[in-house]
Amino acid sequence: MKKDILEKGAILQRDRESYAIAPHIPGGITDTATLRKICDVADRYGVRELKLTSAQRIALMGVKEEDLDAIWRDLQEKPGAAIGLCVRSVKICPGTTWCKRAVQDSIALGLRIDALYHAMELPNKMKMGVSGCMLSCAEVAVKDIGVMGTPKGWRVYVGGNAGARPQLAELLTDGLTTDEEVLALIARIIAWYRNSGSELRLGKAIEQAGFERFRAEVLGG
């Protein structure tokens, strides 16, 4: 019986024959040349459908197993981490680059987070989000690690997910004033998670340890 092929970023589809793959598009930000290339490759290999995903990727649906290697060769793009126990995605809103409501530069910070953590192996899957304002278009309240811009800086939330048993994230800290402070805190959260001994999602691992204990350990107080 066929299964997902993790090393090729290929997810077995409902027909139990074909696969879906998704090139990594950090923050969903791309250019026309990349879009043309994806379309050309899809046409060349008879890909049945393209799907814009909630993780800000373009998935190629209905790919034949025998075409996987050739498609990745022609795309010349890294696979998006759509499967596996790793950082699956970093969702990023338009931020102050484009949005009239934004108060923080979510794109600059989000792309730095993506470069550091996308596809990093962890005890369980993890999703992150970075929103440039409190409207939270990157849905930080249902991310394992969520970063929200406010007029005073950044808030960091932890432990959310939107799975079969949805869980809202808890506010970890408020008023971080620089991107470097946010990055340093995320690094401490990731280190804590890796050393927690838990194989559950971050929110459940925090519940096991106790939120106040977790908070003291990652904030240092």
Protein backbone atom coordinates (compact mmCIF):
# COMPACT_ATOMS: atom_id res chain seq x y z
CA MET A 1 0.00 0.00 0.00
CA LYS A 2 1.32 3.43 -0.93
CA LYS A 3 2.13 5.97 1.78
CA ASP A 4 3.31 9.55 2.11
CA ILE A 5 6.89 9.99 0.87
CA LEU A 6 8.43 12.35 3.41
CA GLU A 7 11.80 12.70 1.71
CA LYS A 8 10.05 13.99 -1.43
CA GLY A 9 7.49 16.13 0.37
CA ALA A 10 4.75 14.03 -1.24
CA ILE A 11 1.38 13.51 0.42
CA LEU A 12 -0.70 10.55 -0.75
CA GLN A 13 -4.11 11.67 -2.00
CA ARG A 14 -7.61 10.27 -1.63
CA ASP A 15 -7.29 8.04 -4.69
CA ARG A 16 -4.39 6.23 -2.96
CA GLU A 17 -2.39 6.55 -6.15
CA SER A 18 -1.41 10.17 -6.75
CA TYR A 19 0.41 12.71 -4.58
CA ALA A 20 0.33 16.38 -3.68
CA ILE A 21 3.53 18.41 -3.38
CA ALA A 22 4.06 22.06 -2.48
CA PRO A 23 7.19 24.12 -3.15
CA HIS A 24 8.25 26.30 -0.25
CA ILE A 25 7.06 29.89 -0.75
CA PRO A 26 8.14 31.81 2.39
CA GLY A 27 5.23 33.88 3.66
CA GLY A 28 3.37 33.24 0.41
CA ILE A 29 5.53 35.91 -1.23
CA THR A 30 6.67 35.09 -4.74
CA ASP A 31 7.13 36.61 -8.18
CA THR A 32 5.69 36.16 -11.65
CA ALA A 33 8.66 34.13 -12.90
CA THR A 34 8.15 31.55 -10.16
CA LEU A 35 4.43 31.41 -10.83
CA ARG A 36 5.06 30.86 -14.55
CA LYS A 37 7.57 28.13 -13.75
CA ILE A 38 5.09 26.33 -11.49
CA CYS A 39 2.41 26.55 -14.19
CA ASP A 40 4.81 25.36 -16.90
CA VAL A 41 5.86 22.36 -14.80
CA ALA A 42 2.24 21.56 -13.97
CA ASP A 43 1.35 21.58 -17.68
CA ARG A 44 4.41 19.56 -18.64
CA TYR A 45 3.55 16.72 -16.27
CA GLY A 46 -0.23 16.83 -16.54
CA VAL A 47 -0.79 17.97 -12.97
CA ARG A 48 -4.52 17.83 -12.42
CA GLU A 49 -4.99 20.87 -10.18
CA LEU A 50 -3.18 23.68 -8.39
CA LYS A 51 -4.38 24.57 -4.88
CA LEU A 52 -3.65 27.70 -2.86
CA THR A 53 -3.19 26.36 0.67
CA SER A 54 -3.84 27.83 4.11
CA ALA A 55 -0.08 27.67 4.71
CA GLN A 56 0.50 30.21 1.90
CA ARG A 57 1.82 27.64 -0.58
CA ILE A 58 0.79 26.47 -4.05
CA ALA A 59 0.17 22.73 -3.99
CA LEU A 60 0.38 20.60 -7.12
CA MET A 61 -2.38 18.02 -6.79
CA GLY A 62 -2.70 14.63 -8.45
CA VAL A 63 1.01 14.15 -9.20
CA LYS A 64 2.07 10.72 -10.44
CA GLU A 65 4.65 8.97 -8.27
CA GLU A 66 6.93 8.36 -11.24
CA ASP A 67 6.98 12.11 -11.98
CA LEU A 68 7.96 13.32 -8.49
CA ASP A 69 11.73 13.46 -9.04
CA ALA A 70 11.45 15.12 -12.43
CA ILE A 71 8.98 17.71 -11.16
CA TRP A 72 11.23 18.69 -8.25
CA ARG A 73 14.20 18.84 -10.63
CA ASP A 74 12.34 21.16 -12.99
CA LEU A 75 10.86 23.32 -10.23
CA GLN A 76 14.31 23.88 -8.64
CA GLU A 77 12.54 24.83 -5.42
CA LYS A 78 12.74 23.44 -1.89
CA PRO A 79 9.74 21.41 -0.73
CA GLY A 80 7.41 23.10 1.71
CA ALA A 81 7.32 21.16 4.98
CA ALA A 82 3.72 20.03 4.56
CA ILE A 83 4.28 16.72 6.38
CA GLY A 84 6.51 15.36 9.11
CA LEU A 85 7.37 16.25 12.71
CA CYS A 86 8.83 19.67 12.07
CA VAL A 87 8.04 23.35 11.71
CA ARG A 88 5.42 23.08 8.99
CA SER A 89 4.84 26.72 8.15
CA VAL A 90 5.29 30.33 9.20
CA LYS A 91 2.18 32.24 8.14
CA ILE A 92 2.82 35.95 7.55
CA CYS A 93 0.41 38.82 6.93
CA PRO A 94 1.27 41.76 4.61
CA GLY A 95 2.34 43.96 7.56
CA THR A 96 3.57 47.51 7.18
CA THR A 97 4.96 46.65 3.75
CA TRP A 98 1.43 46.84 2.32
CA CYS A 99 -1.39 46.91 4.85
CA LYS A 100 -2.84 50.26 5.95
CA ARG A 101 -3.83 48.79 9.34
CA ALA A 102 -0.48 47.24 10.23
CA VAL A 103 1.65 48.70 13.00
CA GLN A 104 4.65 46.33 12.79
CA ASP A 105 6.74 44.89 9.96
CA SER A 106 5.52 41.30 10.01
CA ILE A 107 7.10 40.41 6.68
CA ALA A 108 10.65 41.30 7.75
CA LEU A 109 10.32 39.43 11.05
CA GLY A 110 8.35 36.53 9.60
CA LEU A 111 10.86 35.86 6.83
CA ARG A 112 13.67 35.79 9.39
CA ILE A 113 11.70 33.27 11.46
CA ASP A 114 10.99 31.20 8.34
CA ALA A 115 14.66 31.16 7.35
CA LEU A 116 15.65 29.95 10.81
CA TYR A 117 12.94 27.39 11.51
CA HIS A 118 11.05 26.17 8.44
CA ALA A 119 11.30 22.35 8.26
CA MET A 120 13.31 22.13 11.51
CA GLU A 121 12.70 18.70 13.07
CA LEU A 122 10.92 18.81 16.43
CA PRO A 123 9.15 16.36 18.79
CA ASN A 124 5.87 17.07 16.96
CA LYS A 125 4.59 19.29 14.19
CA MET A 126 4.63 23.04 14.79
CA LYS A 127 3.01 25.99 13.07
CA MET A 128 3.90 29.65 13.54
CA GLY A 129 2.22 32.90 12.60
CA VAL A 130 3.29 36.55 12.47
CA SER A 131 0.68 39.32 12.31
CA GLY A 132 1.45 42.99 11.91
CA CYS A 133 -1.52 44.15 13.95
CA MET A 134 -4.13 42.92 16.43
CA LEU A 135 -6.58 41.90 13.68
CA SER A 136 -4.30 38.86 13.46
CA CYS A 137 -4.67 37.87 9.82
CA ALA A 138 -1.94 35.25 10.38
CA GLU A 139 -4.19 33.62 13.02
CA VAL A 140 -1.63 33.71 15.83
CA ALA A 141 -4.16 32.50 18.42
CA VAL A 142 -4.27 29.04 16.82
CA LYS A 143 -0.53 28.68 16.19
CA ASP A 144 1.97 26.81 18.34
CA ILE A 145 3.97 30.05 18.39
CA GLY A 146 2.20 33.26 17.40
CA VAL A 147 3.66 36.75 17.15
CA MET A 148 1.34 39.77 17.05
CA GLY A 149 2.25 43.38 16.37
CA THR A 150 0.86 46.14 18.59
CA PRO A 151 1.55 49.88 18.66
CA LYS A 152 4.05 49.20 21.48
CA GLY A 153 5.89 46.27 19.88
CA TRP A 154 5.31 42.54 19.74
CA ARG A 155 3.23 40.07 21.72
CA VAL A 156 4.16 36.38 21.75
CA TYR A 157 1.56 33.64 22.19
CA VAL A 158 2.20 29.92 22.67
CA GLY A 159 0.34 26.65 22.55
CA GLY A 160 -2.45 27.20 20.05
CA ASN A 161 -3.68 24.82 17.39
CA ALA A 162 -6.67 24.47 15.09
CA GLY A 163 -6.76 20.69 14.90
CA ALA A 164 -9.39 18.12 15.87
CA ARG A 165 -9.31 19.53 19.41
CA PRO A 166 -8.78 23.27 18.89
CA GLN A 167 -6.87 25.16 21.55
CA LEU A 168 -6.34 28.91 21.87
CA ALA A 169 -2.81 30.08 22.52
CA GLU A 170 -1.81 31.67 25.82
CA LEU A 171 -0.21 35.11 25.98
CA LEU A 172 3.39 34.56 26.99
CA THR A 173 4.69 38.12 26.99
CA ASP A 174 3.87 41.58 25.71
CA GLY A 175 5.83 44.65 24.73
CA LEU A 176 8.91 43.19 23.06
CA THR A 177 10.26 46.18 21.19
CA THR A 178 12.72 44.66 18.71
CA ASP A 179 12.78 41.77 16.27
CA GLU A 180 15.91 40.48 18.01
CA GLU A 181 14.01 40.13 21.29
CA VAL A 182 11.32 38.10 19.55
CA LEU A 183 13.87 35.86 17.82
CA ALA A 184 15.73 35.27 21.08
CA LEU A 185 12.50 34.29 22.83
CA ILE A 186 11.46 31.92 20.05
CA ALA A 187 14.90 30.29 20.26
CA ARG A 188 14.36 29.71 24.00
CA ILE A 189 10.88 28.27 23.39
CA ILE A 190 12.21 25.88 20.75
CA ALA A 191 15.07 24.81 23.04
CA TRP A 192 12.63 24.24 25.92
CA TYR A 193 10.38 22.14 23.69
CA ARG A 194 13.23 20.01 22.41
CA ASN A 195 14.37 19.33 25.97
CA SER A 196 10.89 18.82 27.43
CA GLY A 197 10.83 15.07 26.87
CA SER A 198 7.30 15.39 25.46
CA GLU A 199 6.27 14.19 22.02
CA LEU A 200 2.99 16.11 22.12
CA ARG A 201 2.23 19.41 20.40
CA LEU A 202 3.76 22.40 22.16
CA GLY A 203 0.51 23.42 23.88
CA LYS A 204 0.04 19.99 25.43
CA ALA A 205 3.71 19.85 26.45
CA ILE A 206 3.27 23.19 28.22
CA GLU A 207 0.16 21.87 29.97
CA GLN A 208 2.12 18.86 31.21
CA ALA A 209 4.86 21.06 32.64
CA GLY A 210 2.53 23.81 33.88
CA PHE A 211 2.26 27.17 32.16
CA GLU A 212 3.83 29.20 34.98
CA ARG A 213 6.82 26.87 35.16
CA PHE A 214 7.22 27.05 31.38
CA ARG A 215 6.88 30.83 31.45
CA ALA A 216 9.50 31.20 34.16
CA GLU A 217 11.94 28.92 32.35
CA VAL A 218 11.73 30.64 28.96
CA LEU A 219 11.48 34.20 30.30
CA GLY A 220 14.08 33.66 33.00
CA GLY A 221 12.05 34.85 35.94
